[in-house]
Protein backbone atom coordinates (compact mmCIF):
# COMPACT_ATOMS: atom_id res chain seq x y z
CA MET A 1 0.00 0.00 0.00
CA PRO A 2 1.77 3.20 -1.12
CA VAL A 3 2.27 6.24 1.06
CA VAL A 4 1.00 8.66 -1.59
CA CYS A 5 -2.69 9.43 -1.96
CA PRO A 6 -4.26 8.10 -5.17
CA ASN A 7 -3.64 10.25 -8.28
CA GLN A 8 -0.97 12.26 -6.48
CA ASN A 9 2.50 11.88 -7.92
CA ARG A 10 3.89 15.43 -8.32
CA LEU A 11 4.86 16.71 -4.89
CA GLN A 12 3.38 20.06 -3.97
CA MET A 13 4.30 22.23 -1.02
CA GLY A 14 1.91 22.13 1.90
CA LEU A 15 0.16 19.05 0.60
CA SER A 16 -0.16 16.00 2.84
CA LEU A 17 1.66 13.31 0.93
CA ALA A 18 0.33 10.32 2.80
CA CYS A 19 -3.30 9.51 3.47
CA GLN A 20 -2.89 6.80 6.07
CA PRO A 21 -0.30 4.57 7.69
CA ALA A 22 1.39 2.39 5.13
CA LYS A 23 2.91 -1.06 5.34
CA PHE A 24 6.12 -2.02 3.63
CA TRP A 25 6.79 -5.77 3.74
CA GLY A 26 4.98 -6.12 7.08
CA ILE A 27 6.47 -2.98 8.65
CA ARG A 28 4.08 -0.23 9.65
CA VAL A 29 5.28 3.31 8.98
CA ASP A 30 3.62 6.26 10.71
CA VAL A 31 3.09 9.03 8.14
CA ARG A 32 3.42 11.66 10.88
CA PHE A 33 7.18 11.04 10.59
CA VAL A 34 7.37 10.36 6.84
CA ASN A 35 5.45 13.44 5.67
CA PRO A 36 7.64 16.10 7.35
CA ILE A 37 10.75 14.65 5.70
CA ILE A 38 9.12 14.49 2.26
CA ARG A 39 7.68 18.01 2.63
CA ALA A 40 11.08 19.35 3.73
CA ALA A 41 12.87 17.79 0.74
CA THR A 42 10.16 19.05 -1.60
CA SER A 43 10.40 22.57 -0.21
CA LEU A 44 14.20 22.58 -0.48
CA PHE A 45 14.26 21.35 -4.08
CA THR A 46 11.34 23.53 -5.22
CA GLN A 47 12.34 26.80 -3.54
CA MET A 48 16.14 26.72 -3.37
CA LEU A 49 17.03 24.50 -6.30
CA ARG A 50 14.10 25.28 -8.62
CA SER A 51 13.58 21.57 -9.31
CA PRO A 52 10.19 20.04 -8.47
CA LEU A 53 10.36 16.47 -7.21
CA ASP A 54 8.39 13.38 -8.18
CA LEU A 55 7.83 10.74 -5.53
CA GLY A 56 8.67 7.10 -6.15
CA LYS A 57 7.31 4.18 -4.15
CA PRO A 58 8.67 4.18 -0.58
CA GLY A 59 9.88 0.89 0.86
CA LEU A 60 12.67 -0.65 2.88
CA ALA A 61 16.19 0.49 2.06
CA PRO A 62 18.38 -2.36 0.82
CA ARG A 63 21.31 -3.31 3.02
CA ARG A 64 24.17 -2.34 0.76
CA PRO A 65 26.75 0.44 0.55
CA TYR A 66 25.90 3.82 -0.93
CA SER A 67 27.67 5.46 -3.84
CA GLY A 68 27.83 9.11 -4.87
CA VAL A 69 27.50 11.67 -2.09
CA THR A 70 25.48 11.09 1.09
CA GLY A 71 24.58 13.67 3.74
CA VAL A 72 23.77 12.09 7.12
CA ILE A 73 22.31 13.65 10.27
CA ASP A 74 21.20 12.11 13.57
CA ILE A 75 18.06 13.09 15.50
CA ARG A 76 17.70 12.83 19.28
CA GLY A 77 14.95 13.60 21.78
CA GLY A 78 11.43 12.19 21.76
CA ILE A 79 12.44 10.47 18.51
CA VAL A 80 15.77 8.79 17.88
CA GLY A 81 16.83 8.31 14.31
CA THR A 82 19.01 9.05 11.33
CA ILE A 83 18.27 10.75 8.01
CA ALA A 84 20.49 10.11 4.97
CA LEU A 85 20.18 12.08 1.72
CA ASN A 86 21.93 10.21 -1.12
CA LEU A 87 22.65 11.80 -4.50
CA SER A 88 24.70 10.77 -7.50
CA ASN A 89 27.86 12.81 -8.09
CA HIS A 90 26.16 14.46 -11.08
CA LEU A 91 23.09 15.47 -9.04
CA ALA A 92 25.22 16.65 -6.09
CA ILE A 93 27.29 18.87 -8.42
CA ALA A 94 24.16 20.26 -10.14
CA ALA A 95 22.45 20.99 -6.80
CA ALA A 96 25.58 22.62 -5.34
CA SER A 97 26.05 24.69 -8.51
CA THR A 98 22.47 25.95 -8.22
CA MET A 99 22.80 26.70 -4.50
CA ARG A 100 26.12 28.53 -4.96
CA GLU A 101 25.04 30.15 -8.23
CA GLU A 102 28.29 29.17 -9.89
CA LYS A 103 29.43 26.35 -12.15
CA ILE A 104 31.06 23.52 -10.22
CA ARG A 105 32.70 20.77 -12.26
CA GLU A 106 33.61 18.10 -9.71
CA VAL A 107 32.81 16.87 -6.21
CA ASN A 108 34.85 19.25 -4.07
CA THR A 109 34.56 20.99 -0.70
CA GLU A 110 31.83 23.31 -2.01
CA VAL A 111 29.72 20.29 -3.04
CA ILE A 112 30.37 18.56 0.30
CA ASP A 113 29.33 21.73 2.19
CA ALA A 114 26.19 22.11 0.04
CA ILE A 115 25.06 18.50 0.65
CA GLY A 116 25.67 18.92 4.40
CA GLU A 117 23.59 22.09 4.29
CA MET A 118 20.82 20.31 2.32
CA VAL A 119 20.47 17.43 4.81
CA ASN A 120 20.57 19.94 7.68
CA ILE A 121 17.75 21.98 6.07
CA ILE A 122 15.64 18.85 5.53
CA ALA A 123 16.16 17.64 9.11
CA GLY A 124 15.64 21.14 10.54
CA GLN A 125 12.33 21.64 8.75
CA ALA A 126 11.16 18.14 9.76
CA LYS A 127 12.21 18.95 13.35
CA SER A 128 10.04 22.08 13.36
CA GLU A 129 7.01 20.03 12.24
CA LEU A 130 7.74 17.49 14.99
CA ALA A 131 8.27 20.11 17.73
CA ALA A 132 6.14 18.18 20.24
CA HIS A 133 8.91 15.56 20.37
CA GLN A 134 11.53 18.09 21.58
CA LEU A 135 14.16 17.07 19.04
CA SER A 136 17.76 18.08 18.68
CA LEU A 137 19.90 17.53 15.61
CA GLY A 138 23.45 16.30 15.40
CA LEU A 139 25.98 17.83 13.07
CA PRO A 140 25.64 16.75 9.44
CA THR A 141 28.27 14.40 8.06
CA VAL A 142 28.89 14.00 4.35
CA LEU A 143 30.26 10.76 2.94
CA LYS A 144 31.66 10.42 -0.54
CA ASP A 145 33.60 7.76 -2.32
CA ARG A 146 32.64 5.01 -4.61
CA LEU A 147 31.11 2.93 -1.79
CA HIS A 148 30.35 4.00 1.75
CA ILE A 149 28.26 2.71 4.65
CA VAL A 150 25.78 4.74 6.73
CA ARG A 151 25.21 3.66 10.32
CA PHE A 152 21.55 4.23 11.18
CA SER A 153 20.33 4.75 14.76
CA GLY A 154 17.58 2.17 14.36
CA THR A 155 16.29 -0.49 12.06
CA PRO A 156 14.62 -1.08 9.75
CA VAL A 157 15.46 1.77 7.42
CA VAL A 158 12.76 3.26 5.15
CA ARG A 159 13.72 4.55 1.68
CA VAL A 160 11.84 7.34 -0.08
CA PRO A 161 12.94 7.57 -3.72
CA LEU A 162 12.58 11.00 -5.31
CA TYR A 163 13.20 12.25 -8.84
CA SER A 164 14.55 15.71 -9.70
CA LYS A 165 15.24 17.32 -13.07
CA TRP A 166 18.88 16.18 -12.64
CA GLY A 167 18.07 12.55 -11.81
CA PRO A 168 17.07 10.32 -8.89
CA LEU A 169 17.93 10.73 -5.24
CA THR A 170 16.92 8.89 -2.10
CA ILE A 171 16.14 9.81 1.47
CA ASP A 172 16.64 6.90 3.84
CA PHE A 173 15.68 7.19 7.48
CA SER A 174 15.02 5.33 10.67
CA MET A 175 12.97 7.00 13.40
CA ILE A 176 11.71 5.47 16.60
CA ALA A 177 9.62 7.39 19.14
CA GLN A 178 11.08 7.21 22.64
CA PRO A 179 8.87 6.77 25.71
CA ASN A 180 8.82 9.29 28.53
CA ARG A 181 10.08 7.91 31.82
CA GLY A 182 7.81 5.09 32.93
CA GLN A 183 5.71 5.30 29.76
CA LYS A 184 5.53 2.70 27.03
CA VAL A 185 5.43 3.79 23.41
CA PRO A 186 2.07 2.89 21.86
CA ALA A 187 2.54 0.72 18.76
CA ARG A 188 1.05 3.45 16.56
CA MET A 189 3.77 5.89 17.68
CA ALA A 190 6.83 3.79 16.89
CA VAL A 191 8.30 4.18 13.45
CA PRO A 192 8.78 1.71 11.96
CA VAL A 193 7.15 -1.03 14.00
CA ILE A 194 7.66 -4.64 13.02
CA ARG A 195 4.34 -6.47 13.02
């Protein structure tokens, strides 16, 4: 069952992208955590990069190394998790060139800084939508090389594939709601919950 409402493929700002909780291979995902991340990425690409995004079918992220450039940030507080924004070298260079308003020809420190800034913007906007969970963000880390591994704070890891005018990108994340002292997390609050 997809996260996107029927007949809704093009992402639009302010639009709720998921109608109801979705299941991916028996794992329940709470859209209250998915939607802020998708809306933040959509806002970033539409407003800053002038590239609307199309949403692919979310699912579980495969357990294999990443390639290209990956911005990673940890989340702590009422939710513990990790968000990873993965882009091809070509897309990372195009996005950084647009952000910096100058032509960049290779993955360099300007591209690394831009991808770190992008994942920080996505996590920061998602954090503001999830203010009730009193979240704090770690410092963004950017990984590049032919193959690299991201260590997520929880499992399983959900993948949201997105498509820009420069090509595909993915946002992978794990988020688990933490109980208050002496309180158990209701099953509907944990993301993802294995059923």
